[in-house]
N, C-alpha and C. Protein backbone atom coordinates (compact mmCIF):
# COMPACT_ATOMS: atom_id res chain seq x y z
N MET A 1 123.53 -55.52 133.35
CA MET A 1 122.44 -56.34 132.85
C MET A 1 121.63 -55.51 131.87
N ALA A 2 121.24 -56.10 130.77
CA ALA A 2 120.47 -55.41 129.75
C ALA A 2 118.97 -55.63 129.97
N PHE A 3 118.23 -54.56 129.83
CA PHE A 3 116.78 -54.60 129.96
C PHE A 3 116.17 -54.09 128.67
N THR A 4 115.02 -54.62 128.32
CA THR A 4 114.26 -54.11 127.19
C THR A 4 113.32 -53.04 127.73
N ILE A 5 113.31 -51.89 127.07
CA ILE A 5 112.42 -50.80 127.46
C ILE A 5 111.39 -50.66 126.36
N ARG A 6 110.12 -50.59 126.75
CA ARG A 6 109.06 -50.39 125.78
C ARG A 6 107.97 -49.52 126.39
N ARG A 7 107.22 -48.88 125.50
CA ARG A 7 106.08 -48.10 125.94
C ARG A 7 104.96 -49.05 126.35
N ALA A 8 104.27 -48.71 127.41
CA ALA A 8 103.17 -49.53 127.90
C ALA A 8 101.98 -49.44 126.96
N VAL A 9 101.19 -50.50 126.97
CA VAL A 9 99.94 -50.59 126.20
C VAL A 9 98.81 -50.90 127.19
N PRO A 10 97.55 -50.74 126.76
CA PRO A 10 96.44 -50.96 127.69
C PRO A 10 96.47 -52.30 128.41
N ALA A 11 96.98 -53.34 127.79
CA ALA A 11 97.04 -54.66 128.45
C ALA A 11 97.98 -54.66 129.65
N ASP A 12 98.85 -53.65 129.75
CA ASP A 12 99.77 -53.55 130.88
C ASP A 12 99.15 -52.87 132.09
N ALA A 13 97.92 -52.40 131.97
CA ALA A 13 97.28 -51.64 133.05
C ALA A 13 97.31 -52.35 134.40
N PRO A 14 96.98 -53.63 134.50
CA PRO A 14 97.00 -54.26 135.83
C PRO A 14 98.38 -54.20 136.50
N THR A 15 99.43 -54.37 135.74
CA THR A 15 100.78 -54.28 136.32
C THR A 15 101.08 -52.86 136.76
N ILE A 16 100.74 -51.89 135.94
CA ILE A 16 101.00 -50.49 136.28
C ILE A 16 100.22 -50.10 137.52
N VAL A 17 98.97 -50.50 137.59
CA VAL A 17 98.14 -50.21 138.77
C VAL A 17 98.80 -50.80 140.02
N GLU A 18 99.23 -52.04 139.92
CA GLU A 18 99.86 -52.69 141.07
C GLU A 18 101.17 -52.01 141.45
N PHE A 19 101.99 -51.67 140.48
CA PHE A 19 103.25 -50.98 140.77
C PHE A 19 102.97 -49.62 141.42
N ASN A 20 101.98 -48.88 140.92
CA ASN A 20 101.66 -47.59 141.52
C ASN A 20 101.15 -47.75 142.95
N ARG A 21 100.35 -48.77 143.15
CA ARG A 21 99.83 -49.05 144.50
C ARG A 21 100.98 -49.34 145.46
N LEU A 22 101.89 -50.19 145.04
CA LEU A 22 103.03 -50.55 145.88
C LEU A 22 103.94 -49.36 146.12
N MET A 23 104.18 -48.56 145.09
CA MET A 23 105.04 -47.39 145.23
C MET A 23 104.47 -46.40 146.24
N ALA A 24 103.17 -46.13 146.17
CA ALA A 24 102.54 -45.19 147.10
C ALA A 24 102.62 -45.71 148.53
N GLN A 25 102.39 -47.01 148.70
CA GLN A 25 102.46 -47.61 150.03
C GLN A 25 103.88 -47.55 150.58
N GLU A 26 104.83 -47.91 149.76
CA GLU A 26 106.22 -47.98 150.20
C GLU A 26 106.84 -46.61 150.44
N SER A 27 106.62 -45.67 149.52
CA SER A 27 107.32 -44.38 149.61
C SER A 27 106.60 -43.36 150.48
N GLU A 28 105.27 -43.46 150.56
CA GLU A 28 104.52 -42.44 151.30
C GLU A 28 103.61 -43.01 152.37
N GLY A 29 103.53 -44.34 152.47
CA GLY A 29 102.63 -44.94 153.43
C GLY A 29 101.17 -44.69 153.09
N LYS A 30 100.86 -44.46 151.79
CA LYS A 30 99.50 -44.16 151.37
C LYS A 30 98.86 -45.37 150.72
N THR A 31 97.59 -45.57 151.05
CA THR A 31 96.79 -46.59 150.40
C THR A 31 95.92 -45.89 149.37
N LEU A 32 96.15 -46.20 148.09
CA LEU A 32 95.41 -45.55 147.02
C LEU A 32 94.07 -46.24 146.79
N ASP A 33 93.09 -45.46 146.42
CA ASP A 33 91.78 -45.99 146.06
C ASP A 33 91.93 -46.75 144.74
N ALA A 34 91.69 -48.05 144.75
CA ALA A 34 91.92 -48.90 143.58
C ALA A 34 91.08 -48.49 142.38
N ASN A 35 89.85 -48.04 142.61
CA ASN A 35 88.99 -47.63 141.50
C ASN A 35 89.52 -46.37 140.82
N ILE A 36 89.89 -45.39 141.63
CA ILE A 36 90.43 -44.15 141.07
C ILE A 36 91.75 -44.42 140.36
N LEU A 37 92.62 -45.20 141.00
CA LEU A 37 93.90 -45.53 140.41
C LEU A 37 93.72 -46.26 139.08
N GLY A 38 92.85 -47.24 139.05
CA GLY A 38 92.60 -47.99 137.81
C GLY A 38 92.11 -47.10 136.69
N ARG A 39 91.18 -46.20 137.01
CA ARG A 39 90.67 -45.27 135.98
C ARG A 39 91.76 -44.30 135.55
N GLY A 40 92.58 -43.85 136.49
CA GLY A 40 93.67 -42.93 136.15
C GLY A 40 94.68 -43.55 135.21
N VAL A 41 95.07 -44.77 135.49
CA VAL A 41 96.02 -45.48 134.62
C VAL A 41 95.38 -45.71 133.25
N ALA A 42 94.14 -46.16 133.23
CA ALA A 42 93.46 -46.41 131.95
C ALA A 42 93.37 -45.14 131.12
N ASN A 43 93.05 -44.02 131.76
CA ASN A 43 92.97 -42.75 131.04
C ASN A 43 94.33 -42.33 130.48
N ALA A 44 95.38 -42.53 131.26
CA ALA A 44 96.72 -42.19 130.78
C ALA A 44 97.12 -43.06 129.60
N LEU A 45 96.84 -44.35 129.70
CA LEU A 45 97.20 -45.25 128.59
C LEU A 45 96.40 -44.94 127.33
N ALA A 46 95.20 -44.40 127.48
CA ALA A 46 94.36 -44.08 126.33
C ALA A 46 94.69 -42.73 125.71
N ASP A 47 95.39 -41.87 126.43
CA ASP A 47 95.64 -40.51 125.95
C ASP A 47 97.09 -40.12 126.24
N PRO A 48 97.96 -40.17 125.24
CA PRO A 48 99.38 -39.86 125.46
C PRO A 48 99.65 -38.42 125.87
N ASN A 49 98.65 -37.54 125.76
CA ASN A 49 98.82 -36.17 126.25
C ASN A 49 98.74 -36.12 127.78
N LYS A 50 98.14 -37.14 128.38
CA LYS A 50 98.05 -37.19 129.84
C LYS A 50 99.34 -37.73 130.44
N ALA A 51 99.82 -38.83 129.90
CA ALA A 51 101.06 -39.44 130.40
C ALA A 51 101.47 -40.54 129.45
N LEU A 52 102.74 -40.86 129.51
CA LEU A 52 103.28 -42.03 128.81
C LEU A 52 103.94 -42.91 129.86
N TYR A 53 103.67 -44.19 129.80
CA TYR A 53 104.33 -45.14 130.70
C TYR A 53 105.36 -45.92 129.90
N TYR A 54 106.51 -46.13 130.52
CA TYR A 54 107.56 -46.98 129.95
C TYR A 54 107.85 -48.09 130.94
N LEU A 55 108.06 -49.28 130.39
CA LEU A 55 108.29 -50.47 131.21
C LEU A 55 109.66 -51.04 130.90
N ALA A 56 110.31 -51.56 131.94
CA ALA A 56 111.57 -52.28 131.79
C ALA A 56 111.26 -53.76 131.93
N LEU A 57 111.76 -54.54 130.99
CA LEU A 57 111.52 -55.98 131.00
C LEU A 57 112.84 -56.74 131.04
N GLN A 58 112.83 -57.81 131.79
CA GLN A 58 113.90 -58.80 131.76
C GLN A 58 113.26 -60.06 131.21
N GLN A 59 113.63 -60.39 129.98
CA GLN A 59 112.94 -61.42 129.20
C GLN A 59 111.48 -61.00 129.10
N ASP A 60 110.54 -61.75 129.62
CA ASP A 60 109.13 -61.37 129.52
C ASP A 60 108.57 -60.78 130.81
N GLU A 61 109.40 -60.63 131.81
CA GLU A 61 108.94 -60.12 133.11
C GLU A 61 109.08 -58.60 133.18
N ILE A 62 107.99 -57.92 133.54
CA ILE A 62 108.05 -56.47 133.76
C ILE A 62 108.66 -56.26 135.14
N VAL A 63 109.80 -55.57 135.18
CA VAL A 63 110.53 -55.42 136.44
C VAL A 63 110.56 -53.98 136.94
N GLY A 64 110.11 -53.02 136.11
CA GLY A 64 110.10 -51.63 136.55
C GLY A 64 109.32 -50.76 135.58
N GLN A 65 109.04 -49.55 136.04
CA GLN A 65 108.27 -48.60 135.24
C GLN A 65 108.64 -47.18 135.59
N LEU A 66 108.31 -46.27 134.68
CA LEU A 66 108.22 -44.85 134.98
C LEU A 66 107.20 -44.26 134.02
N SER A 67 106.70 -43.10 134.38
CA SER A 67 105.80 -42.40 133.46
C SER A 67 106.35 -41.01 133.22
N LEU A 68 105.90 -40.44 132.14
CA LEU A 68 106.25 -39.06 131.80
C LEU A 68 104.97 -38.24 131.70
N THR A 69 105.02 -37.05 132.26
CA THR A 69 103.99 -36.04 132.00
C THR A 69 104.73 -34.81 131.48
N PHE A 70 103.97 -33.85 130.99
CA PHE A 70 104.58 -32.79 130.20
C PHE A 70 104.14 -31.41 130.69
N GLU A 71 105.10 -30.50 130.75
CA GLU A 71 104.84 -29.12 131.17
C GLU A 71 105.49 -28.18 130.17
N TRP A 72 104.72 -27.23 129.66
CA TRP A 72 105.27 -26.23 128.76
C TRP A 72 105.89 -25.10 129.57
N SER A 73 107.10 -24.71 129.22
CA SER A 73 107.77 -23.58 129.87
C SER A 73 107.78 -22.39 128.93
N ASP A 74 107.01 -21.37 129.26
CA ASP A 74 107.04 -20.16 128.45
C ASP A 74 108.36 -19.42 128.65
N TRP A 75 108.97 -19.52 129.82
CA TRP A 75 110.26 -18.89 130.08
C TRP A 75 111.34 -19.39 129.15
N ARG A 76 111.27 -20.69 128.86
CA ARG A 76 112.35 -21.33 128.09
C ARG A 76 111.89 -21.77 126.69
N ASN A 77 110.61 -21.56 126.39
CA ASN A 77 110.05 -21.93 125.09
C ASN A 77 110.33 -23.39 124.76
N GLY A 78 109.96 -24.25 125.69
CA GLY A 78 110.18 -25.67 125.45
C GLY A 78 109.45 -26.52 126.47
N TRP A 79 109.52 -27.83 126.25
CA TRP A 79 108.84 -28.79 127.11
C TRP A 79 109.76 -29.31 128.19
N LEU A 80 109.22 -29.39 129.39
CA LEU A 80 109.84 -30.13 130.49
C LEU A 80 109.12 -31.45 130.61
N TRP A 81 109.87 -32.51 130.64
CA TRP A 81 109.29 -33.83 130.86
C TRP A 81 109.46 -34.18 132.33
N TRP A 82 108.35 -34.46 132.98
CA TRP A 82 108.35 -34.85 134.39
C TRP A 82 108.34 -36.37 134.49
N ILE A 83 109.31 -36.92 135.18
CA ILE A 83 109.38 -38.35 135.44
C ILE A 83 108.56 -38.62 136.70
N GLN A 84 107.63 -39.56 136.59
CA GLN A 84 106.74 -39.87 137.71
C GLN A 84 106.52 -41.38 137.78
N SER A 85 105.81 -41.80 138.79
CA SER A 85 105.38 -43.20 138.94
C SER A 85 106.53 -44.19 138.76
N VAL A 86 107.67 -43.85 139.34
CA VAL A 86 108.83 -44.74 139.26
C VAL A 86 108.65 -45.90 140.22
N TYR A 87 108.80 -47.09 139.71
CA TYR A 87 108.76 -48.27 140.57
C TYR A 87 109.63 -49.36 139.96
N VAL A 88 110.42 -49.98 140.81
CA VAL A 88 111.23 -51.14 140.44
C VAL A 88 110.93 -52.22 141.46
N LYS A 89 110.66 -53.42 140.98
CA LYS A 89 110.42 -54.54 141.90
C LYS A 89 111.60 -54.67 142.85
N PRO A 90 111.34 -54.91 144.14
CA PRO A 90 112.43 -54.95 145.13
C PRO A 90 113.58 -55.87 144.76
N GLU A 91 113.28 -57.04 144.21
CA GLU A 91 114.35 -57.98 143.89
C GLU A 91 115.20 -57.55 142.70
N TRP A 92 114.77 -56.51 141.99
CA TRP A 92 115.52 -56.00 140.84
C TRP A 92 116.20 -54.67 141.12
N ARG A 93 116.04 -54.14 142.31
CA ARG A 93 116.68 -52.86 142.63
C ARG A 93 118.20 -53.01 142.68
N ARG A 94 118.85 -51.95 142.31
CA ARG A 94 120.32 -51.91 142.26
C ARG A 94 120.88 -52.82 141.17
N SER A 95 120.06 -53.11 140.16
CA SER A 95 120.55 -53.93 139.04
C SER A 95 120.53 -53.16 137.72
N GLY A 96 120.22 -51.85 137.78
CA GLY A 96 120.23 -51.03 136.57
C GLY A 96 118.89 -50.81 135.92
N VAL A 97 117.80 -51.23 136.56
CA VAL A 97 116.48 -51.07 135.96
C VAL A 97 116.15 -49.59 135.79
N PHE A 98 116.23 -48.82 136.87
CA PHE A 98 115.90 -47.40 136.73
C PHE A 98 116.87 -46.72 135.78
N ARG A 99 118.13 -47.00 135.88
CA ARG A 99 119.12 -46.38 134.99
C ARG A 99 118.76 -46.65 133.52
N SER A 100 118.31 -47.85 133.20
CA SER A 100 117.92 -48.18 131.83
C SER A 100 116.69 -47.38 131.40
N LEU A 101 115.70 -47.30 132.27
CA LEU A 101 114.52 -46.49 131.97
C LEU A 101 114.90 -45.02 131.79
N TYR A 102 115.70 -44.51 132.70
CA TYR A 102 116.11 -43.11 132.64
C TYR A 102 116.89 -42.82 131.36
N GLU A 103 117.84 -43.67 131.02
CA GLU A 103 118.65 -43.45 129.81
C GLU A 103 117.78 -43.47 128.56
N TYR A 104 116.79 -44.34 128.53
CA TYR A 104 115.87 -44.40 127.40
C TYR A 104 115.15 -43.06 127.24
N VAL A 105 114.61 -42.56 128.34
CA VAL A 105 113.87 -41.29 128.33
C VAL A 105 114.81 -40.12 128.04
N TYR A 106 115.98 -40.13 128.65
CA TYR A 106 116.96 -39.07 128.44
C TYR A 106 117.36 -38.97 126.97
N GLN A 107 117.62 -40.10 126.34
CA GLN A 107 118.00 -40.08 124.93
C GLN A 107 116.84 -39.59 124.05
N ALA A 108 115.62 -40.00 124.38
CA ALA A 108 114.46 -39.51 123.63
C ALA A 108 114.31 -38.00 123.80
N ALA A 109 114.54 -37.50 125.00
CA ALA A 109 114.45 -36.05 125.26
C ALA A 109 115.53 -35.30 124.47
N GLN A 110 116.74 -35.84 124.47
CA GLN A 110 117.83 -35.20 123.74
C GLN A 110 117.54 -35.15 122.24
N ALA A 111 116.83 -36.15 121.72
CA ALA A 111 116.54 -36.22 120.29
C ALA A 111 115.42 -35.27 119.88
N ASP A 112 114.67 -34.75 120.82
CA ASP A 112 113.54 -33.87 120.53
C ASP A 112 113.95 -32.43 120.81
N PRO A 113 114.09 -31.59 119.78
CA PRO A 113 114.57 -30.22 120.00
C PRO A 113 113.63 -29.35 120.82
N ASP A 114 112.39 -29.77 121.01
CA ASP A 114 111.45 -29.00 121.81
C ASP A 114 111.53 -29.31 123.30
N VAL A 115 112.27 -30.35 123.67
CA VAL A 115 112.41 -30.72 125.08
C VAL A 115 113.65 -30.04 125.64
N ILE A 116 113.44 -29.33 126.75
CA ILE A 116 114.54 -28.55 127.34
C ILE A 116 115.04 -29.11 128.66
N GLY A 117 114.32 -30.09 129.22
CA GLY A 117 114.79 -30.63 130.48
C GLY A 117 113.91 -31.73 131.01
N LEU A 118 114.48 -32.44 131.96
CA LEU A 118 113.78 -33.50 132.70
C LEU A 118 113.66 -33.06 134.15
N ARG A 119 112.55 -33.38 134.75
CA ARG A 119 112.33 -33.07 136.17
C ARG A 119 111.64 -34.25 136.83
N LEU A 120 111.77 -34.29 138.14
CA LEU A 120 110.99 -35.22 138.94
C LEU A 120 110.91 -34.67 140.34
N TYR A 121 109.98 -35.20 141.10
CA TYR A 121 109.93 -34.89 142.52
C TYR A 121 110.06 -36.19 143.28
N VAL A 122 110.57 -36.06 144.50
CA VAL A 122 110.84 -37.24 145.31
C VAL A 122 110.48 -36.90 146.76
N GLU A 123 109.98 -37.87 147.47
CA GLU A 123 109.66 -37.68 148.88
C GLU A 123 110.91 -37.29 149.66
N LYS A 124 110.74 -36.35 150.60
CA LYS A 124 111.88 -35.85 151.40
C LYS A 124 112.61 -36.95 152.13
N GLU A 125 111.89 -37.97 152.58
CA GLU A 125 112.49 -39.03 153.38
C GLU A 125 113.04 -40.19 152.55
N ASN A 126 112.80 -40.18 151.25
CA ASN A 126 113.21 -41.30 150.41
C ASN A 126 114.66 -41.10 149.94
N LEU A 127 115.58 -41.31 150.86
CA LEU A 127 117.00 -41.03 150.60
C LEU A 127 117.58 -41.96 149.54
N GLY A 128 117.14 -43.21 149.51
CA GLY A 128 117.63 -44.13 148.50
C GLY A 128 117.29 -43.67 147.10
N ALA A 129 116.05 -43.26 146.90
CA ALA A 129 115.64 -42.77 145.59
C ALA A 129 116.41 -41.50 145.23
N GLN A 130 116.59 -40.61 146.20
CA GLN A 130 117.34 -39.38 145.93
C GLN A 130 118.74 -39.69 145.43
N GLN A 131 119.41 -40.63 146.07
CA GLN A 131 120.76 -41.00 145.65
C GLN A 131 120.75 -41.61 144.25
N THR A 132 119.73 -42.41 143.96
CA THR A 132 119.62 -43.00 142.63
C THR A 132 119.48 -41.91 141.58
N TYR A 133 118.61 -40.93 141.82
CA TYR A 133 118.39 -39.87 140.84
C TYR A 133 119.64 -39.01 140.66
N LEU A 134 120.33 -38.73 141.74
CA LEU A 134 121.58 -37.98 141.63
C LEU A 134 122.63 -38.77 140.85
N SER A 135 122.63 -40.09 141.01
CA SER A 135 123.65 -40.91 140.36
C SER A 135 123.50 -40.97 138.84
N VAL A 136 122.33 -40.66 138.30
CA VAL A 136 122.16 -40.66 136.85
C VAL A 136 122.36 -39.26 136.26
N GLY A 137 122.77 -38.30 137.09
CA GLY A 137 123.10 -36.97 136.59
C GLY A 137 122.08 -35.89 136.87
N MET A 138 121.03 -36.20 137.61
CA MET A 138 120.07 -35.17 137.96
C MET A 138 120.64 -34.33 139.10
N ASP A 139 120.18 -33.10 139.22
CA ASP A 139 120.63 -32.17 140.26
C ASP A 139 119.43 -31.64 141.02
N TRP A 140 119.70 -31.15 142.23
CA TRP A 140 118.64 -30.51 143.01
C TRP A 140 118.20 -29.23 142.34
N ALA A 141 116.89 -29.01 142.29
CA ALA A 141 116.34 -27.76 141.76
C ALA A 141 116.20 -26.76 142.90
N ASN A 142 115.98 -25.52 142.54
CA ASN A 142 115.83 -24.46 143.55
C ASN A 142 114.37 -24.19 143.87
N TYR A 143 113.53 -25.21 143.77
CA TYR A 143 112.10 -25.03 143.97
C TYR A 143 111.59 -25.96 145.06
N LEU A 144 110.56 -25.52 145.74
CA LEU A 144 109.77 -26.36 146.63
C LEU A 144 108.41 -26.52 145.98
N ILE A 145 107.76 -27.61 146.24
CA ILE A 145 106.43 -27.83 145.68
C ILE A 145 105.39 -27.53 146.74
N LEU A 146 104.41 -26.73 146.35
CA LEU A 146 103.26 -26.44 147.21
C LEU A 146 102.04 -27.03 146.53
N GLU A 147 101.02 -27.35 147.30
CA GLU A 147 99.82 -27.90 146.70
C GLU A 147 98.59 -27.53 147.50
N ARG A 148 97.48 -27.63 146.86
CA ARG A 148 96.19 -27.54 147.53
C ARG A 148 95.39 -28.73 147.05
N TYR A 149 95.31 -29.70 147.91
CA TYR A 149 94.72 -30.97 147.51
C TYR A 149 94.06 -31.62 148.71
N PRO A 150 92.90 -32.17 148.54
CA PRO A 150 92.05 -32.15 147.35
C PRO A 150 91.31 -30.83 147.22
N LEU A 151 90.72 -30.65 146.09
CA LEU A 151 89.93 -29.43 145.85
C LEU A 151 88.50 -29.66 146.26
C-alpha cells in the first residue's frame, strides 16, 4: 500500500499531541501532562532545530508519524538522526506505514553527506516494535541509555 509522507505543519499539532499521548500510554503505561505535551509539540513544530515531524497519510487521513532529533558526533564528524515519537494507528499497523516513514527518512539521510547514521531507542518490553525496527535493517547498538530525570 502506498502512503504519502509529508513534513508536519503547525495545524497538525492536535494530531501529533494525540498520537504522542497514545504512544506513551500504550508503550510505557505513562499518562503525559497535556499542557506540557502541547507546548513541546508546538515548540518542535516552530523550530526545526528541536525536531522534525513526518506524517504518513492514506488519502487525507493521518495514519502514522515519527519525529527526528539531531545529535552531533565529534567521533565521526557527522550527524546522527534519532527517530522518536513513532506512532501508527492500530488499524493501520502491519500495512507498511512505519516502513514508508522510515524509508523516507532513510533516503533523506543517505542524500545528506553530513548524516552518518540513524538511531532510535525502544522500550525493553516492546517486542513488536523491536521486530519492526529490525525488519527495516536497523541493528542493536552496543549502548545502554542512562538518565537523570527529572532535574
